[in-house]
PDB file of N, CA and C in Angstrom:
ATOM      1  N   MET A   1     159.190  60.430 -88.008  1.00  0.00           N
ATOM      2  CA  MET A   1     158.714  59.355 -88.856  1.00  0.00           C
ATOM      3  C   MET A   1     159.791  58.271 -89.032  1.00  0.00           C
ATOM      4  N   LEU A   2     161.027  58.732 -89.171  1.00  0.00           N
ATOM      5  CA  LEU A   2     162.132  57.794 -89.351  1.00  0.00           C
ATOM      6  C   LEU A   2     162.338  56.947 -88.093  1.00  0.00           C
ATOM      7  N   ASP A   3     162.186  57.562 -86.912  1.00  0.00           N
ATOM      8  CA  ASP A   3     162.313  56.825 -85.658  1.00  0.00           C
ATOM      9  C   ASP A   3     161.239  55.759 -85.520  1.00  0.00           C
ATOM     10  N   LYS A   4     160.027  56.078 -85.936  1.00  0.00           N
ATOM     11  CA  LYS A   4     158.936  55.100 -85.870  1.00  0.00           C
ATOM     12  C   LYS A   4     159.196  53.937 -86.810  1.00  0.00           C
ATOM     13  N   MET A   5     159.770  54.241 -87.979  1.00  0.00           N
ATOM     14  CA  MET A   5     160.077  53.183 -88.947  1.00  0.00           C
ATOM     15  C   MET A   5     161.180  52.275 -88.388  1.00  0.00           C
ATOM     16  N   LYS A   6     162.206  52.842 -87.752  1.00  0.00           N
ATOM     17  CA  LYS A   6     163.276  52.052 -87.153  1.00  0.00           C
ATOM     18  C   LYS A   6     162.737  51.196 -86.008  1.00  0.00           C
ATOM     19  N   ALA A   7     161.836  51.765 -85.213  1.00  0.00           N
ATOM     20  CA  ALA A   7     161.232  51.013 -84.110  1.00  0.00           C
ATOM     21  C   ALA A   7     160.399  49.857 -84.649  1.00  0.00           C
ATOM     22  N   LEU A   8     159.687  50.082 -85.729  1.00  0.00           N
ATOM     23  CA  LEU A   8     158.875  49.034 -86.353  1.00  0.00           C
ATOM     24  C   LEU A   8     159.768  47.913 -86.893  1.00  0.00           C
ATOM     25  N   ILE A   9     160.858  48.288 -87.530  1.00  0.00           N
ATOM     26  CA  ILE A   9     161.788  47.283 -88.061  1.00  0.00           C
ATOM     27  C   ILE A   9     162.412  46.493 -86.916  1.00  0.00           C
ATOM     28  N   HIS A  10     162.797  47.171 -85.856  1.00  0.00           N
ATOM     29  CA  HIS A  10     163.365  46.493 -84.676  1.00  0.00           C
ATOM     30  C   HIS A  10     162.354  45.519 -84.067  1.00  0.00           C
ATOM     31  N   TRP A  11     161.108  45.954 -83.935  1.00  0.00           N
ATOM     32  CA  TRP A  11     160.058  45.092 -83.393  1.00  0.00           C
ATOM     33  C   TRP A  11     159.851  43.871 -84.291  1.00  0.00           C
ATOM     34  N   TYR A  12     159.835  44.083 -85.601  1.00  0.00           N
ATOM     35  CA  TYR A  12     159.645  42.988 -86.558  1.00  0.00           C
ATOM     36  C   TYR A  12     160.778  41.967 -86.434  1.00  0.00           C
ATOM     37  N   GLU A  13     162.026  42.444 -86.311  1.00  0.00           N
ATOM     38  CA  GLU A  13     163.158  41.528 -86.166  1.00  0.00           C
ATOM     39  C   GLU A  13     163.074  40.751 -84.855  1.00  0.00           C
ATOM     40  N   GLU A  14     162.614  41.395 -83.802  1.00  0.00           N
ATOM     41  CA  GLU A  14     162.442  40.713 -82.512  1.00  0.00           C
ATOM     42  C   GLU A  14     161.385  39.620 -82.610  1.00  0.00           C
ATOM     43  N   VAL A  15     160.296  39.917 -83.295  1.00  0.00           N
ATOM     44  CA  VAL A  15     159.220  38.929 -83.453  1.00  0.00           C
ATOM     45  C   VAL A  15     159.718  37.723 -84.240  1.00  0.00           C
ATOM     46  N   LEU A  16     160.513  37.962 -85.267  1.00  0.00           N
ATOM     47  CA  LEU A  16     161.034  36.855 -86.074  1.00  0.00           C
ATOM     48  C   LEU A  16     162.048  36.002 -85.319  1.00  0.00           C
ATOM     49  N   SER A  17     162.852  36.624 -84.470  1.00  0.00           N
ATOM     50  CA  SER A  17     163.900  35.869 -83.779  1.00  0.00           C
ATOM     51  C   SER A  17     163.414  35.224 -82.483  1.00  0.00           C
ATOM     52  N   MET A  18     162.257  35.597 -81.993  1.00  0.00           N
ATOM     53  CA  MET A  18     161.772  35.105 -80.709  1.00  0.00           C
ATOM     54  C   MET A  18     161.683  33.583 -80.618  1.00  0.00           C
ATOM     55  N   PRO A  19     161.105  32.893 -81.600  1.00  0.00           N
ATOM     56  CA  PRO A  19     160.994  31.429 -81.461  1.00  0.00           C
ATOM     57  C   PRO A  19     162.343  30.714 -81.467  1.00  0.00           C
ATOM     58  N   HIS A  20     163.371  31.356 -81.985  1.00  0.00           N
ATOM     59  CA  HIS A  20     164.664  30.695 -82.125  1.00  0.00           C
ATOM     60  C   HIS A  20     165.608  30.975 -80.969  1.00  0.00           C
ATOM     61  N   ARG A  21     165.258  31.857 -80.075  1.00  0.00           N
ATOM     62  CA  ARG A  21     166.156  32.193 -78.969  1.00  0.00           C
ATOM     63  C   ARG A  21     166.442  30.987 -78.088  1.00  0.00           C
ATOM     64  N   ARG A  22     165.443  30.190 -77.812  1.00  0.00           N
ATOM     65  CA  ARG A  22     165.633  29.009 -76.970  1.00  0.00           C
ATOM     66  C   ARG A  22     166.553  28.009 -77.670  1.00  0.00           C
ATOM     67  N   GLU A  23     166.361  27.853 -78.987  1.00  0.00           N
ATOM     68  CA  GLU A  23     167.200  26.924 -79.740  1.00  0.00           C
ATOM     69  C   GLU A  23     168.645  27.396 -79.779  1.00  0.00           C
ATOM     70  N   VAL A  24     168.837  28.682 -79.986  1.00  0.00           N
ATOM     71  CA  VAL A  24     170.193  29.231 -80.030  1.00  0.00           C
ATOM     72  C   VAL A  24     170.862  29.090 -78.663  1.00  0.00           C
ATOM     73  N   ALA A  25     170.127  29.383 -77.603  1.00  0.00           N
ATOM     74  CA  ALA A  25     170.683  29.242 -76.252  1.00  0.00           C
ATOM     75  C   ALA A  25     171.051  27.789 -75.964  1.00  0.00           C
ATOM     76  N   SER A  26     170.212  26.859 -76.409  1.00  0.00           N
ATOM     77  CA  SER A  26     170.484  25.437 -76.208  1.00  0.00           C
ATOM     78  C   SER A  26     171.742  25.016 -76.976  1.00  0.00           C
ATOM     79  N   GLU A  27     171.891  25.473 -78.198  1.00  0.00           N
ATOM     80  CA  GLU A  27     173.071  25.143 -78.992  1.00  0.00           C
ATOM     81  C   GLU A  27     174.334  25.720 -78.367  1.00  0.00           C
ATOM     82  N   LEU A  28     174.259  26.942 -77.873  1.00  0.00           N
ATOM     83  CA  LEU A  28     175.424  27.543 -77.218  1.00  0.00           C
ATOM     84  C   LEU A  28     175.806  26.775 -75.956  1.00  0.00           C
ATOM     85  N   ARG A  29     174.812  26.326 -75.197  1.00  0.00           N
ATOM     86  CA  ARG A  29     175.077  25.543 -73.990  1.00  0.00           C
ATOM     87  C   ARG A  29     175.710  24.198 -74.358  1.00  0.00           C
ATOM     88  N   ASP A  30     175.219  23.577 -75.439  1.00  0.00           N
ATOM     89  CA  ASP A  30     175.803  22.306 -75.882  1.00  0.00           C
ATOM     90  C   ASP A  30     177.261  22.481 -76.307  1.00  0.00           C
ATOM     91  N   GLU A  31     177.553  23.570 -77.018  1.00  0.00           N
ATOM     92  CA  GLU A  31     178.932  23.832 -77.420  1.00  0.00           C
ATOM     93  C   GLU A  31     179.817  24.079 -76.204  1.00  0.00           C
ATOM     94  N   ASP A  32     179.301  24.805 -75.226  1.00  0.00           N
ATOM     95  CA  ASP A  32     180.051  25.030 -73.987  1.00  0.00           C
ATOM     96  C   ASP A  32     180.339  23.711 -73.274  1.00  0.00           C
ATOM     97  N   ASP A  33     179.325  22.844 -73.218  1.00  0.00           N
ATOM     98  CA  ASP A  33     179.491  21.549 -72.556  1.00  0.00           C
ATOM     99  C   ASP A  33     180.556  20.711 -73.245  1.00  0.00           C
ATOM    100  N   LEU A  34     180.540  20.696 -74.573  1.00  0.00           N
ATOM    101  CA  LEU A  34     181.531  19.929 -75.321  1.00  0.00           C
ATOM    102  C   LEU A  34     182.934  20.500 -75.095  1.00  0.00           C
ATOM    103  N   PHE A  35     183.044  21.812 -75.106  1.00  0.00           N
ATOM    104  CA  PHE A  35     184.350  22.441 -74.879  1.00  0.00           C
ATOM    105  C   PHE A  35     184.882  22.111 -73.487  1.00  0.00           C
ATOM    106  N   LEU A  36     184.017  22.181 -72.484  1.00  0.00           N
ATOM    107  CA  LEU A  36     184.455  21.863 -71.120  1.00  0.00           C
ATOM    108  C   LEU A  36     184.813  20.390 -70.988  1.00  0.00           C
ATOM    109  N   LEU A  37     184.095  19.517 -71.690  1.00  0.00           N
ATOM    110  CA  LEU A  37     184.456  18.100 -71.675  1.00  0.00           C
ATOM    111  C   LEU A  37     185.838  17.901 -72.271  1.00  0.00           C
ATOM    112  N   LEU A  38     186.121  18.569 -73.383  1.00  0.00           N
ATOM    113  CA  LEU A  38     187.451  18.467 -73.978  1.00  0.00           C
ATOM    114  C   LEU A  38     188.514  19.057 -73.054  1.00  0.00           C
ATOM    115  N   LEU A  39     188.170  20.130 -72.391  1.00  0.00           N
ATOM    116  CA  LEU A  39     189.116  20.794 -71.509  1.00  0.00           C
ATOM    117  C   LEU A  39     189.484  19.916 -70.316  1.00  0.00           C
ATOM    118  N   TYR A  40     188.511  19.269 -69.706  1.00  0.00           N
ATOM    119  CA  TYR A  40     188.736  18.471 -68.496  1.00  0.00           C
ATOM    120  C   TYR A  40     188.819  16.973 -68.767  1.00  0.00           C
ATOM    121  N   SER A  41     188.840  16.564 -70.014  1.00  0.00           N
ATOM    122  CA  SER A  41     188.804  15.131 -70.326  1.00  0.00           C
ATOM    123  C   SER A  41     190.001  14.371 -69.762  1.00  0.00           C
ATOM    124  N   GLU A  42     191.168  14.949 -69.773  1.00  0.00           N
ATOM    125  CA  GLU A  42     192.353  14.254 -69.259  1.00  0.00           C
ATOM    126  C   GLU A  42     192.209  13.962 -67.770  1.00  0.00           C
ATOM    127  N   MET A  43     191.594  14.878 -67.030  1.00  0.00           N
ATOM    128  CA  MET A  43     191.404  14.661 -65.596  1.00  0.00           C
ATOM    129  C   MET A  43     190.372  13.577 -65.319  1.00  0.00           C
ATOM    130  N   ILE A  44     189.428  13.411 -66.237  1.00  0.00           N
ATOM    131  CA  ILE A  44     188.384  12.402 -66.064  1.00  0.00           C
ATOM    132  C   ILE A  44     188.874  11.019 -66.502  1.00  0.00           C
ATOM    133  N   GLY A  45     189.916  10.990 -67.325  1.00  0.00           N
ATOM    134  CA  GLY A  45     190.471   9.709 -67.769  1.00  0.00           C
ATOM    135  C   GLY A  45     190.336   9.481 -69.255  1.00  0.00           C
ATOM    136  N   ILE A  46     189.865  10.460 -69.990  1.00  0.00           N
ATOM    137  CA  ILE A  46     189.744  10.354 -71.447  1.00  0.00           C
ATOM    138  C   ILE A  46     191.002  10.983 -72.050  1.00  0.00           C
ATOM    139  N   PRO A  47     191.730  10.260 -72.881  1.00  0.00           N
ATOM    140  CA  PRO A  47     192.954  10.826 -73.467  1.00  0.00           C
ATOM    141  C   PRO A  47     192.656  12.089 -74.286  1.00  0.00           C
ATOM    142  N   ASN A  48     193.455  13.094 -74.078  1.00  0.00           N
ATOM    143  CA  ASN A  48     193.284  14.360 -74.784  1.00  0.00           C
ATOM    144  C   ASN A  48     194.617  14.729 -75.424  1.00  0.00           C
ATOM    145  N   PRO A  49     194.695  14.701 -76.756  1.00  0.00           N
ATOM    146  CA  PRO A  49     195.977  14.978 -77.414  1.00  0.00           C
ATOM    147  C   PRO A  49     196.439  16.433 -77.267  1.00  0.00           C
ATOM    148  N   VAL A  50     195.560  17.338 -76.938  1.00  0.00           N
ATOM    149  CA  VAL A  50     195.943  18.748 -76.792  1.00  0.00           C
ATOM    150  C   VAL A  50     195.922  19.178 -75.330  1.00  0.00           C
ATOM    151  N   TYR A  51     196.128  18.238 -74.424  1.00  0.00           N
ATOM    152  CA  TYR A  51     196.079  18.517 -72.994  1.00  0.00           C
ATOM    153  C   TYR A  51     197.041  19.630 -72.597  1.00  0.00           C
ATOM    154  N   TYR A  52     198.231  19.605 -73.151  1.00  0.00           N
ATOM    155  CA  TYR A  52     199.250  20.598 -72.810  1.00  0.00           C
ATOM    156  C   TYR A  52     198.760  22.018 -73.115  1.00  0.00           C
ATOM    157  N   TYR A  53     198.058  22.185 -74.220  1.00  0.00           N
ATOM    158  CA  TYR A  53     197.604  23.513 -74.627  1.00  0.00           C
ATOM    159  C   TYR A  53     196.365  23.974 -73.856  1.00  0.00           C
ATOM    160  N   THR A  54     195.589  23.034 -73.384  1.00  0.00           N
ATOM    161  CA  THR A  54     194.382  23.409 -72.639  1.00  0.00           C
ATOM    162  C   THR A  54     194.675  23.769 -71.182  1.00  0.00           C
ATOM    163  N   LEU A  55     195.857  23.445 -70.696  1.00  0.00           N
ATOM    164  CA  LEU A  55     196.216  23.793 -69.318  1.00  0.00           C
ATOM    165  C   LEU A  55     196.141  25.296 -69.078  1.00  0.00           C
ATOM    166  N   GLU A  56     196.442  26.075 -70.089  1.00  0.00           N
ATOM    167  CA  GLU A  56     196.413  27.530 -69.953  1.00  0.00           C
ATOM    168  C   GLU A  56     194.997  28.061 -69.744  1.00  0.00           C
ATOM    169  N   LEU A  57     193.997  27.289 -70.138  1.00  0.00           N
ATOM    170  CA  LEU A  57     192.611  27.749 -70.052  1.00  0.00           C
ATOM    171  C   LEU A  57     191.961  27.461 -68.705  1.00  0.00           C
ATOM    172  N   TYR A  58     192.535  26.599 -67.903  1.00  0.00           N
ATOM    173  CA  TYR A  58     191.906  26.211 -66.633  1.00  0.00           C
ATOM    174  C   TYR A  58     191.531  27.386 -65.736  1.00  0.00           C
ATOM    175  N   PRO A  59     192.420  28.351 -65.516  1.00  0.00           N
ATOM    176  CA  PRO A  59     192.021  29.455 -64.618  1.00  0.00           C
ATOM    177  C   PRO A  59     190.795  30.224 -65.111  1.00  0.00           C
ATOM    178  N   TYR A  60     190.611  30.285 -66.416  1.00  0.00           N
ATOM    179  CA  TYR A  60     189.477  31.025 -66.962  1.00  0.00           C
ATOM    180  C   TYR A  60     188.179  30.220 -66.930  1.00  0.00           C
ATOM    181  N   MET A  61     188.302  28.910 -67.007  1.00  0.00           N
ATOM    182  CA  MET A  61     187.121  28.063 -67.110  1.00  0.00           C
ATOM    183  C   MET A  61     186.697  27.463 -65.770  1.00  0.00           C
ATOM    184  N   ILE A  62     187.455  27.661 -64.734  1.00  0.00           N
ATOM    185  CA  ILE A  62     187.171  27.038 -63.441  1.00  0.00           C
ATOM    186  C   ILE A  62     185.829  27.503 -62.876  1.00  0.00           C
ATOM    187  N   GLU A  63     185.440  28.747 -63.172  1.00  0.00           N
ATOM    188  CA  GLU A  63     184.168  29.262 -62.673  1.00  0.00           C
ATOM    189  C   GLU A  63     182.979  28.529 -63.281  1.00  0.00           C
ATOM    190  N   LYS A  64     183.128  28.066 -64.507  1.00  0.00           N
ATOM    191  CA  LYS A  64     182.033  27.366 -65.181  1.00  0.00           C
ATOM    192  C   LYS A  64     181.989  25.880 -64.840  1.00  0.00           C
ATOM    193  N   PHE A  65     183.037  25.362 -64.208  1.00  0.00           N
ATOM    194  CA  PHE A  65     183.136  23.926 -63.967  1.00  0.00           C
ATOM    195  C   PHE A  65     182.000  23.401 -63.101  1.00  0.00           C
ATOM    196  N   HIS A  66     181.665  24.108 -62.037  1.00  0.00           N
ATOM    197  CA  HIS A  66     180.619  23.647 -61.122  1.00  0.00           C
ATOM    198  C   HIS A  66     179.281  23.500 -61.850  1.00  0.00           C
ATOM    199  N   ASP A  67     178.884  24.509 -62.600  1.00  0.00           N
ATOM    200  CA  ASP A  67     177.625  24.429 -63.358  1.00  0.00           C
ATOM    201  C   ASP A  67     177.671  23.305 -64.375  1.00  0.00           C
ATOM    202  N   TRP A  68     178.840  23.094 -64.980  1.00  0.00           N
ATOM    203  CA  TRP A  68     178.964  22.059 -66.003  1.00  0.00           C
ATOM    204  C   TRP A  68     178.770  20.672 -65.409  1.00  0.00           C
ATOM    205  N   HIS A  69     179.458  20.362 -64.301  1.00  0.00           N
ATOM    206  CA  HIS A  69     179.336  18.987 -63.790  1.00  0.00           C
ATOM    207  C   HIS A  69     177.940  18.743 -63.228  1.00  0.00           C
ATOM    208  N   LEU A  70     177.258  19.763 -62.743  1.00  0.00           N
ATOM    209  CA  LEU A  70     175.865  19.574 -62.325  1.00  0.00           C
ATOM    210  C   LEU A  70     174.963  19.329 -63.525  1.00  0.00           C
ATOM    211  N   ARG A  71     175.193  20.045 -64.619  1.00  0.00           N
ATOM    212  CA  ARG A  71     174.393  19.871 -65.833  1.00  0.00           C
ATOM    213  C   ARG A  71     174.631  18.502 -66.456  1.00  0.00           C
ATOM    214  N   MET A  72     175.843  17.944 -66.257  1.00  0.00           N
ATOM    215  CA  MET A  72     176.161  16.625 -66.795  1.00  0.00           C
ATOM    216  C   MET A  72     175.642  15.495 -65.912  1.00  0.00           C
ATOM    217  N   GLY A  73     175.000  15.839 -64.794  1.00  0.00           N
ATOM    218  CA  GLY A  73     174.399  14.832 -63.936  1.00  0.00           C
ATOM    219  C   GLY A  73     175.307  14.314 -62.839  1.00  0.00           C
ATOM    220  N   MET A  74     176.410  14.981 -62.596  1.00  0.00           N
ATOM    221  CA  MET A  74     177.332  14.578 -61.534  1.00  0.00           C
ATOM    222  C   MET A  74     177.072  15.459 -60.322  1.00  0.00           C
ATOM    223  N   GLU A  75     176.660  14.843 -59.218  1.00  0.00           N
ATOM    224  CA  GLU A  75     176.331  15.622 -58.027  1.00  0.00           C
ATOM    225  C   GLU A  75     177.559  16.275 -57.405  1.00  0.00           C
ATOM    226  N   LYS A  76     178.683  15.571 -57.455  1.00  0.00           N
ATOM    227  CA  LYS A  76     179.930  16.106 -56.909  1.00  0.00           C
ATOM    228  C   LYS A  76     180.969  16.137 -58.006  1.00  0.00           C
ATOM    229  N   SER A  77     182.009  16.868 -57.782  1.00  0.00           N
ATOM    230  CA  SER A  77     183.080  16.991 -58.771  1.00  0.00           C
ATOM    231  C   SER A  77     183.653  15.615 -59.093  1.00  0.00           C
ATOM    232  N   PRO A  78     183.804  15.261 -60.372  1.00  0.00           N
ATOM    233  CA  PRO A  78     184.366  13.959 -60.726  1.00  0.00           C
ATOM    234  C   PRO A  78     185.881  13.908 -60.549  1.00  0.00           C
ATOM    235  N   LEU A  79     186.479  15.025 -60.254  1.00  0.00           N
ATOM    236  CA  LEU A  79     187.936  15.076 -60.124  1.00  0.00           C
ATOM    237  C   LEU A  79     188.328  14.905 -58.668  1.00  0.00           C
ATOM    238  N   SER A  80     189.200  13.968 -58.388  1.00  0.00           N
ATOM    239  CA  SER A  80     189.558  13.667 -57.010  1.00  0.00           C
ATOM    240  C   SER A  80     190.369  14.785 -56.351  1.00  0.00           C
ATOM    241  N   GLY A  81     191.244  15.420 -57.097  1.00  0.00           N
ATOM    242  CA  GLY A  81     192.074  16.454 -56.511  1.00  0.00           C
ATOM    243  C   GLY A  81     191.505  17.852 -56.656  1.00  0.00           C
ATOM    244  N   PHE A  82     190.294  17.936 -57.132  1.00  0.00           N
ATOM    245  CA  PHE A  82     189.690  19.229 -57.407  1.00  0.00           C
ATOM    246  C   PHE A  82     188.314  19.274 -56.797  1.00  0.00           C
ATOM    247  N   ARG A  83     188.128  20.105 -55.803  1.00  0.00           N
ATOM    248  CA  ARG A  83     186.821  20.189 -55.124  1.00  0.00           C
ATOM    249  C   ARG A  83     186.202  21.531 -55.405  1.00  0.00           C
ATOM    250  N   CYS A  84     184.955  21.518 -55.800  1.00  0.00           N
ATOM    251  CA  CYS A  84     184.262  22.797 -56.043  1.00  0.00           C
ATOM    252  C   CYS A  84     182.950  22.862 -55.283  1.00  0.00           C
ATOM    253  N   CYS A  85     182.520  21.753 -54.721  1.00  0.00           N
ATOM    254  CA  CYS A  85     181.211  21.738 -54.035  1.00  0.00           C
ATOM    255  C   CYS A  85     181.392  21.693 -52.531  1.00  0.00           C
TER     256      CYS A  85
END
């Protein structure tokens, strides 16, 4: 009986959160896009006061760069010394 009650509660929570999953995913993608813009802004030509500290993050974020510049509407990498396509 307790298992059925837990399953019912789990199902109820899933039903309540279902309409918001798309919104949450969209917000997370927007935050990722903003972070990547801040990370690569110096290379694009936008002054970044924390450029020195973001250099350490490049190796970790390089995998996401290709998807990011395509999502931003750039067919090819905007960075002249950096090719990913």
